Structure formats: C-alpha cells, structure tokens
C-alpha cells in the first residue's frame, strides 16, 4: 500500500571526521521532504554548480539534534551559535552529502 500522507520532514544521521582527528562525529539532521520536482531541480542545479552547499542546506535542513557547544549544552537550530556550526568544516558538505544519500537510500529500498 502506498499512503500519500507523509510527514513534511524526516530525520537522517550525518557522520564525518573533523580534520586532524581520527574520530567520527555524528548528529541527526532534520530534512525537509521535497517533492520530486524540487529534488530534480535542486539536483540539476547542484550538478551544474549553480547552487552552493550552504544554499542547499538553507533549502533542505530544517532542524538538528545531538549538536552541543564546548560545555555540552545543545545548540538550537536557527540560533546565532548555529553559524559557528555551519562554518565548522566539513559540517556543510557532509550534511549536503547526507541529504543526497538519503534520497539514494530511499530509491534503493523501493
């Protein structure tokens, strides 16, 4: 059975290694569930280099969990401290990759 009523967002794990470290870090991204037309358009723009990783995240990343500051306090999505997260390499490219991987995994499961 295919039920059309789906949630507008979904959670997906993101894993990456910080430069100079051998430890893998992770968090849970909350992605917007795009329509097929939106996915196609975003994928085409990304393939052509017409959109930056940050622009992709501005469109698809709608929340996160398991991201904390130096003292262990959660960093709220959309807070002023979130800019530090976006600018910590390789957070942004790793999250974009995880988004597109989530779409590939969905196709593979069908």
C-alpha atoms as a PDB file:
ATOM      1  CA  UNK A   1       0.000   0.000   0.000  1.00  0.00           C
ATOM      2  CA  UNK A   2       1.240   3.480  -0.860  1.00  0.00           C
ATOM      3  CA  UNK A   3      -0.076   6.117   1.521  1.00  0.00           C
ATOM      4  CA  UNK A   4       0.275   9.684   0.208  1.00  0.00           C
ATOM      5  CA  UNK A   5       0.042  11.349   3.627  1.00  0.00           C
ATOM      6  CA  UNK A   6       3.678  11.691   4.680  1.00  0.00           C
ATOM      7  CA  UNK A   7       5.394  13.895   7.210  1.00  0.00           C
ATOM      8  CA  UNK A   8       6.851  17.170   5.912  1.00  0.00           C
ATOM      9  CA  UNK A   9      10.273  16.334   7.393  1.00  0.00           C
ATOM     10  CA  UNK A  10      12.412  13.320   8.224  1.00  0.00           C
ATOM     11  CA  UNK A  11      15.437  12.593  10.392  1.00  0.00           C
ATOM     12  CA  UNK A  12      18.698  11.311   8.905  1.00  0.00           C
ATOM     13  CA  UNK A  13      22.093  10.601  10.513  1.00  0.00           C
ATOM     14  CA  UNK A  14      25.109  12.643   9.424  1.00  0.00           C
ATOM     15  CA  UNK A  15      28.636  11.383  10.110  1.00  0.00           C
ATOM     16  CA  UNK A  16      32.006  12.954   9.344  1.00  0.00           C
ATOM     17  CA  UNK A  17      35.556  13.266  10.600  1.00  0.00           C
ATOM     18  CA  UNK A  18      36.979  16.613  11.598  1.00  0.00           C
ATOM     19  CA  UNK A  19      40.336  17.488  10.010  1.00  0.00           C
ATOM     20  CA  UNK A  20      43.226  16.439  12.221  1.00  0.00           C
ATOM     21  CA  UNK A  21      41.119  13.873  14.047  1.00  0.00           C
ATOM     22  CA  UNK A  22      40.512  10.185  13.554  1.00  0.00           C
ATOM     23  CA  UNK A  23      37.252  10.285  15.494  1.00  0.00           C
ATOM     24  CA  UNK A  24      33.976  10.211  13.593  1.00  0.00           C
ATOM     25  CA  UNK A  25      31.391  12.658  14.898  1.00  0.00           C
ATOM     26  CA  UNK A  26      27.691  12.478  14.195  1.00  0.00           C
ATOM     27  CA  UNK A  27      24.421  14.285  14.635  1.00  0.00           C
ATOM     28  CA  UNK A  28      20.875  13.866  13.427  1.00  0.00           C
ATOM     29  CA  UNK A  29      19.688  16.194  10.669  1.00  0.00           C
ATOM     30  CA  UNK A  30      16.047  17.022  10.119  1.00  0.00           C
ATOM     31  CA  UNK A  31      15.480  17.398   6.384  1.00  0.00           C
ATOM     32  CA  UNK A  32      12.511  18.859   4.514  1.00  0.00           C
ATOM     33  CA  UNK A  33      10.682  16.266   2.451  1.00  0.00           C
ATOM     34  CA  UNK A  34      10.815  17.783  -1.047  1.00  0.00           C
ATOM     35  CA  UNK A  35       8.617  16.931  -3.997  1.00  0.00           C
ATOM     36  CA  UNK A  36      10.133  15.006  -6.890  1.00  0.00           C
ATOM     37  CA  UNK A  37      10.159  18.200  -8.990  1.00  0.00           C
ATOM     38  CA  UNK A  38      12.028  20.061  -6.221  1.00  0.00           C
ATOM     39  CA  UNK A  39      14.544  17.208  -5.871  1.00  0.00           C
ATOM     40  CA  UNK A  40      15.141  17.148  -9.634  1.00  0.00           C
ATOM     41  CA  UNK A  41      15.602  20.922  -9.811  1.00  0.00           C
ATOM     42  CA  UNK A  42      17.941  21.004  -6.813  1.00  0.00           C
ATOM     43  CA  UNK A  43      19.954  18.050  -8.118  1.00  0.00           C
ATOM     44  CA  UNK A  44      20.300  19.663 -11.553  1.00  0.00           C
ATOM     45  CA  UNK A  45      21.437  22.967 -10.047  1.00  0.00           C
ATOM     46  CA  UNK A  46      23.932  21.181  -7.784  1.00  0.00           C
ATOM     47  CA  UNK A  47      25.343  19.168 -10.709  1.00  0.00           C
ATOM     48  CA  UNK A  48      25.833  22.362 -12.707  1.00  0.00           C
ATOM     49  CA  UNK A  49      27.419  24.188  -9.774  1.00  0.00           C
ATOM     50  CA  UNK A  50      24.628  26.773  -9.794  1.00  0.00           C
ATOM     51  CA  UNK A  51      23.986  26.440  -6.055  1.00  0.00           C
ATOM     52  CA  UNK A  52      26.328  26.406  -3.061  1.00  0.00           C
ATOM     53  CA  UNK A  53      26.279  23.819  -0.309  1.00  0.00           C
ATOM     54  CA  UNK A  54      25.022  26.462   2.107  1.00  0.00           C
ATOM     55  CA  UNK A  55      22.163  27.368  -0.265  1.00  0.00           C
ATOM     56  CA  UNK A  56      21.205  23.698  -0.439  1.00  0.00           C
ATOM     57  CA  UNK A  57      21.171  23.481   3.343  1.00  0.00           C
ATOM     58  CA  UNK A  58      19.112  26.656   3.582  1.00  0.00           C
ATOM     59  CA  UNK A  59      16.504  24.827   1.498  1.00  0.00           C
ATOM     60  CA  UNK A  60      16.591  21.326   2.991  1.00  0.00           C
ATOM     61  CA  UNK A  61      17.934  21.455   6.568  1.00  0.00           C
ATOM     62  CA  UNK A  62      15.091  22.389   8.917  1.00  0.00           C
ATOM     63  CA  UNK A  63      16.497  21.213  12.242  1.00  0.00           C
ATOM     64  CA  UNK A  64      19.009  19.053  14.079  1.00  0.00           C
ATOM     65  CA  UNK A  65      19.688  17.217  17.297  1.00  0.00           C
ATOM     66  CA  UNK A  66      22.810  15.990  19.092  1.00  0.00           C
ATOM     67  CA  UNK A  67      24.873  19.129  18.418  1.00  0.00           C
ATOM     68  CA  UNK A  68      26.351  20.711  21.537  1.00  0.00           C
ATOM     69  CA  UNK A  69      28.738  23.529  22.375  1.00  0.00           C
ATOM     70  CA  UNK A  70      32.058  23.220  24.234  1.00  0.00           C
ATOM     71  CA  UNK A  71      30.285  22.973  27.597  1.00  0.00           C
ATOM     72  CA  UNK A  72      27.912  20.257  26.376  1.00  0.00           C
ATOM     73  CA  UNK A  73      24.864  22.494  26.033  1.00  0.00           C
ATOM     74  CA  UNK A  74      22.642  21.829  22.991  1.00  0.00           C
ATOM     75  CA  UNK A  75      22.951  24.351  20.158  1.00  0.00           C
ATOM     76  CA  UNK A  76      19.493  25.289  18.949  1.00  0.00           C
ATOM     77  CA  UNK A  77      18.885  25.225  15.224  1.00  0.00           C
ATOM     78  CA  UNK A  78      18.472  28.791  13.989  1.00  0.00           C
ATOM     79  CA  UNK A  79      20.329  30.318  16.929  1.00  0.00           C
ATOM     80  CA  UNK A  80      23.189  32.759  16.476  1.00  0.00           C
ATOM     81  CA  UNK A  81      25.557  29.978  17.569  1.00  0.00           C
ATOM     82  CA  UNK A  82      24.337  27.903  14.623  1.00  0.00           C
ATOM     83  CA  UNK A  83      26.534  29.996  12.296  1.00  0.00           C
ATOM     84  CA  UNK A  84      29.570  28.511  14.055  1.00  0.00           C
ATOM     85  CA  UNK A  85      28.221  25.043  13.251  1.00  0.00           C
ATOM     86  CA  UNK A  86      27.681  25.877   9.570  1.00  0.00           C
ATOM     87  CA  UNK A  87      31.215  27.261   9.342  1.00  0.00           C
ATOM     88  CA  UNK A  88      32.903  24.272  11.008  1.00  0.00           C
ATOM     89  CA  UNK A  89      34.387  22.260   8.160  1.00  0.00           C
ATOM     90  CA  UNK A  90      33.217  19.711   6.982  1.00  0.00           C
ATOM     91  CA  UNK A  91      29.755  20.169   8.529  1.00  0.00           C
ATOM     92  CA  UNK A  92      28.151  21.780   5.478  1.00  0.00           C
ATOM     93  CA  UNK A  93      29.462  19.485   2.700  1.00  0.00           C
ATOM     94  CA  UNK A  94      28.929  16.394   4.884  1.00  0.00           C
ATOM     95  CA  UNK A  95      25.329  17.404   5.537  1.00  0.00           C
ATOM     96  CA  UNK A  96      24.655  18.054   1.843  1.00  0.00           C
ATOM     97  CA  UNK A  97      26.114  14.635   1.024  1.00  0.00           C
ATOM     98  CA  UNK A  98      23.925  13.034   3.706  1.00  0.00           C
ATOM     99  CA  UNK A  99      20.840  14.705   2.217  1.00  0.00           C
ATOM    100  CA  UNK A 100      21.512  13.352  -1.267  1.00  0.00           C
ATOM    101  CA  UNK A 101      22.483   9.962   0.214  1.00  0.00           C
ATOM    102  CA  UNK A 102      19.118   9.864   1.984  1.00  0.00           C
ATOM    103  CA  UNK A 103      17.405  10.182  -1.391  1.00  0.00           C
ATOM    104  CA  UNK A 104      19.545   7.412  -2.911  1.00  0.00           C
ATOM    105  CA  UNK A 105      18.840   5.120   0.026  1.00  0.00           C
ATOM    106  CA  UNK A 106      15.120   5.753  -0.329  1.00  0.00           C
ATOM    107  CA  UNK A 107      15.287   4.717  -4.015  1.00  0.00           C
ATOM    108  CA  UNK A 108      17.313   1.614  -3.160  1.00  0.00           C
ATOM    109  CA  UNK A 109      14.764   0.491  -0.579  1.00  0.00           C
ATOM    110  CA  UNK A 110      11.883   0.695  -3.075  1.00  0.00           C
END
